[in-house]
């Protein structure tokens, strides 16, 4: 079912639109940290208009902002987040992908192939996404949704949402995170 993927023209260029992408859910544990609903509620709107690199950008082996010029040159595949909202315990957004920009890069071409596979119903495996953010880590152990954590994310500011074609995200489709059929 490819009903959540469509195409449109923006500024004279062809774009894919993927609706219903979930970058984070309330009270999820990722990379040993708890992301509480209250902190997500205070910060999720900062995802609006953020770049969606493929994958998380690195410069000289270190993770950097998706807005770093070298990161843009290497990792930007024409994708960004729009219409970010909250639906129950999930952050939901639309992903826009400029087809010409994506096709100009090897990873972007792979993304277009995956989206075309989803549309054609020949590859319906979810695409993982992963948030890139700045946060304060409060040391506090506990458990949420059956997973242990050793710290809690506070004062989150989202920098980007990475598209992951070659690796699973810290939050997975089984936990409700990713690009997949809306009914999933």
Protein backbone atom coordinates (compact mmCIF):
# COMPACT_ATOMS: atom_id res chain seq x y z
CA UNK A 1 0.00 0.00 0.00
CA UNK A 2 1.70 3.18 -1.20
CA UNK A 3 -1.16 5.51 -0.33
CA UNK A 4 1.10 7.60 1.91
CA UNK A 5 3.56 8.42 -0.91
CA UNK A 6 2.69 10.89 -3.64
CA UNK A 7 4.43 13.30 -5.98
CA UNK A 8 4.01 17.04 -6.41
CA UNK A 9 5.70 19.98 -8.08
CA UNK A 10 7.31 22.62 -5.88
CA UNK A 11 9.16 25.58 -7.39
CA UNK A 12 9.00 23.85 -10.76
CA UNK A 13 10.72 20.69 -9.51
CA UNK A 14 9.33 17.16 -8.96
CA UNK A 15 9.13 16.08 -5.32
CA UNK A 16 8.10 12.95 -3.47
CA UNK A 17 5.88 13.48 -0.43
CA UNK A 18 5.85 10.76 2.22
CA UNK A 19 3.07 11.31 4.76
CA UNK A 20 2.82 9.84 8.21
CA UNK A 21 6.53 9.45 8.97
CA UNK A 22 7.16 8.92 12.69
CA UNK A 23 10.56 10.15 13.96
CA UNK A 24 9.94 9.60 17.69
CA UNK A 25 7.33 8.23 20.09
CA UNK A 26 6.65 9.14 23.70
CA UNK A 27 8.68 7.46 26.44
CA UNK A 28 10.93 5.57 24.03
CA UNK A 29 14.36 4.37 25.16
CA UNK A 30 17.06 4.94 22.55
CA UNK A 31 20.81 4.56 22.98
CA UNK A 32 20.33 3.99 26.69
CA UNK A 33 18.33 7.19 27.22
CA UNK A 34 14.67 7.82 27.97
CA UNK A 35 12.87 10.39 25.82
CA UNK A 36 9.88 11.34 28.01
CA UNK A 37 6.55 12.49 26.57
CA UNK A 38 6.75 15.84 28.38
CA UNK A 39 10.16 16.63 26.84
CA UNK A 40 8.99 15.54 23.37
CA UNK A 41 5.88 17.73 23.73
CA UNK A 42 8.13 20.71 24.52
CA UNK A 43 10.48 20.16 21.57
CA UNK A 44 8.90 18.29 18.65
CA UNK A 45 7.94 21.50 16.82
CA UNK A 46 11.67 22.21 16.39
CA UNK A 47 11.67 19.44 13.73
CA UNK A 48 9.64 21.62 11.34
CA UNK A 49 11.66 22.44 8.24
CA UNK A 50 14.70 20.45 9.36
CA UNK A 51 16.96 18.75 6.83
CA UNK A 52 16.81 14.99 6.48
CA UNK A 53 20.31 13.81 5.55
CA UNK A 54 21.18 10.26 4.58
CA UNK A 55 22.53 9.03 7.04
CA UNK A 56 23.59 11.07 10.12
CA UNK A 57 26.25 13.53 8.90
CA UNK A 58 29.88 13.24 9.94
CA UNK A 59 32.84 15.49 9.15
CA UNK A 60 36.34 14.21 9.89
CA UNK A 61 34.77 11.21 11.65
CA UNK A 62 32.68 13.29 14.09
CA UNK A 63 28.92 13.78 14.08
CA UNK A 64 27.96 17.31 13.06
CA UNK A 65 24.90 19.43 12.42
CA UNK A 66 23.08 18.70 9.18
CA UNK A 67 23.52 22.43 8.49
CA UNK A 68 27.33 22.24 8.48
CA UNK A 69 28.37 23.20 4.92
CA UNK A 70 30.49 20.07 4.45
CA UNK A 71 27.64 17.93 5.80
CA UNK A 72 25.19 19.55 3.39
CA UNK A 73 27.55 18.88 0.48
CA UNK A 74 28.02 15.22 1.40
CA UNK A 75 24.76 14.07 3.05
CA UNK A 76 21.90 16.26 1.81
CA UNK A 77 19.61 14.29 -0.53
CA UNK A 78 17.00 17.00 -1.05
CA UNK A 79 14.84 15.87 1.89
CA UNK A 80 13.25 17.87 4.70
CA UNK A 81 10.45 17.63 7.29
CA UNK A 82 7.16 19.53 7.12
CA UNK A 83 3.77 19.51 8.84
CA UNK A 84 5.22 18.18 12.10
CA UNK A 85 2.45 17.41 14.58
CA UNK A 86 1.62 15.18 17.51
CA UNK A 87 -0.92 12.36 17.20
CA UNK A 88 -1.52 10.58 20.50
CA UNK A 89 1.92 9.29 21.59
CA UNK A 90 3.66 9.84 18.22
CA UNK A 91 5.29 12.73 16.45
CA UNK A 92 4.12 12.58 12.84
CA UNK A 93 5.44 14.51 9.87
CA UNK A 94 5.59 14.65 6.11
CA UNK A 95 8.89 14.17 4.31
CA UNK A 96 9.53 16.07 1.09
CA UNK A 97 12.25 14.88 -1.29
CA UNK A 98 13.39 16.96 -4.26
CA UNK A 99 13.86 14.29 -6.92
CA UNK A 100 16.52 16.15 -8.95
CA UNK A 101 18.67 16.85 -5.90
CA UNK A 102 18.31 13.25 -4.69
CA UNK A 103 19.22 11.84 -8.11
CA UNK A 104 22.42 13.92 -8.16
CA UNK A 105 23.94 11.82 -5.36
CA UNK A 106 24.50 8.06 -5.06
CA UNK A 107 22.66 7.80 -1.71
CA UNK A 108 19.87 9.99 -3.05
CA UNK A 109 19.45 7.65 -6.02
CA UNK A 110 19.16 4.74 -3.59
CA UNK A 111 16.48 6.64 -1.65
CA UNK A 112 14.52 7.27 -4.86
CA UNK A 113 14.80 3.56 -5.75
CA UNK A 114 13.43 2.60 -2.31
CA UNK A 115 10.55 5.07 -2.59
CA UNK A 116 9.75 3.82 -6.11
CA UNK A 117 9.82 0.26 -4.71
CA UNK A 118 7.34 1.26 -2.02
CA UNK A 119 5.08 2.90 -4.60
CA UNK A 120 5.25 -0.18 -6.88
CA UNK A 121 4.69 -2.46 -3.88
CA UNK A 122 7.87 -4.37 -4.73
CA UNK A 123 9.71 -3.36 -1.53
CA UNK A 124 7.47 -2.41 1.36
CA UNK A 125 10.07 -2.80 4.11
CA UNK A 126 9.98 0.27 6.37
CA UNK A 127 12.72 2.87 6.00
CA UNK A 128 14.34 3.69 9.31
CA UNK A 129 14.73 7.29 10.46
CA UNK A 130 16.72 8.68 13.37
CA UNK A 131 16.64 11.97 15.19
CA UNK A 132 19.76 14.09 15.48
CA UNK A 133 19.51 16.47 18.41
CA UNK A 134 21.16 18.36 21.18
CA UNK A 135 19.99 17.45 24.66
CA UNK A 136 20.95 17.59 28.30
CA UNK A 137 21.37 14.16 29.82
CA UNK A 138 20.01 13.76 33.34
CA UNK A 139 21.61 10.73 34.99
CA UNK A 140 18.73 8.61 36.19
CA UNK A 141 18.14 4.89 35.75
CA UNK A 142 14.82 3.27 35.12
CA UNK A 143 12.73 1.34 32.65
CA UNK A 144 10.21 2.34 29.98
CA UNK A 145 8.31 0.08 27.59
CA UNK A 146 10.37 -2.88 28.76
CA UNK A 147 13.76 -1.24 28.08
CA UNK A 148 16.23 -0.03 30.67
CA UNK A 149 17.73 3.46 30.54
CA UNK A 150 20.58 5.13 32.43
CA UNK A 151 19.76 8.74 31.55
CA UNK A 152 16.83 10.98 30.61
CA UNK A 153 16.80 13.46 27.71
CA UNK A 154 16.01 17.02 28.80
CA UNK A 155 15.75 20.32 26.88
CA UNK A 156 15.87 18.69 23.44
CA UNK A 157 16.56 20.73 20.30
CA UNK A 158 16.28 18.77 17.08
CA UNK A 159 18.93 19.42 14.44
CA UNK A 160 17.84 16.90 11.78
CA UNK A 161 16.07 13.64 11.14
CA UNK A 162 18.39 11.20 9.38
CA UNK A 163 17.17 8.73 6.78
CA UNK A 164 18.77 5.32 7.34
CA UNK A 165 18.88 2.88 4.43
CA UNK A 166 21.79 0.74 5.66
CA UNK A 167 21.31 0.50 9.41
CA UNK A 168 18.51 0.28 11.93
CA UNK A 169 17.60 3.34 13.92
CA UNK A 170 17.77 3.45 17.70
CA UNK A 171 13.98 3.65 17.52
CA UNK A 172 12.64 0.95 15.19
CA UNK A 173 9.49 0.30 13.15
CA UNK A 174 8.55 -2.31 15.78
CA UNK A 175 8.43 0.59 18.24
CA UNK A 176 6.44 2.74 15.80
CA UNK A 177 9.37 4.79 14.39
CA UNK A 178 10.05 5.07 10.65
CA UNK A 179 8.59 5.45 7.16
CA UNK A 180 5.95 2.83 6.49
CA UNK A 181 2.31 2.27 5.67
CA UNK A 182 0.12 4.62 7.70
CA UNK A 183 -2.02 1.71 8.90
CA UNK A 184 0.99 -0.12 10.36
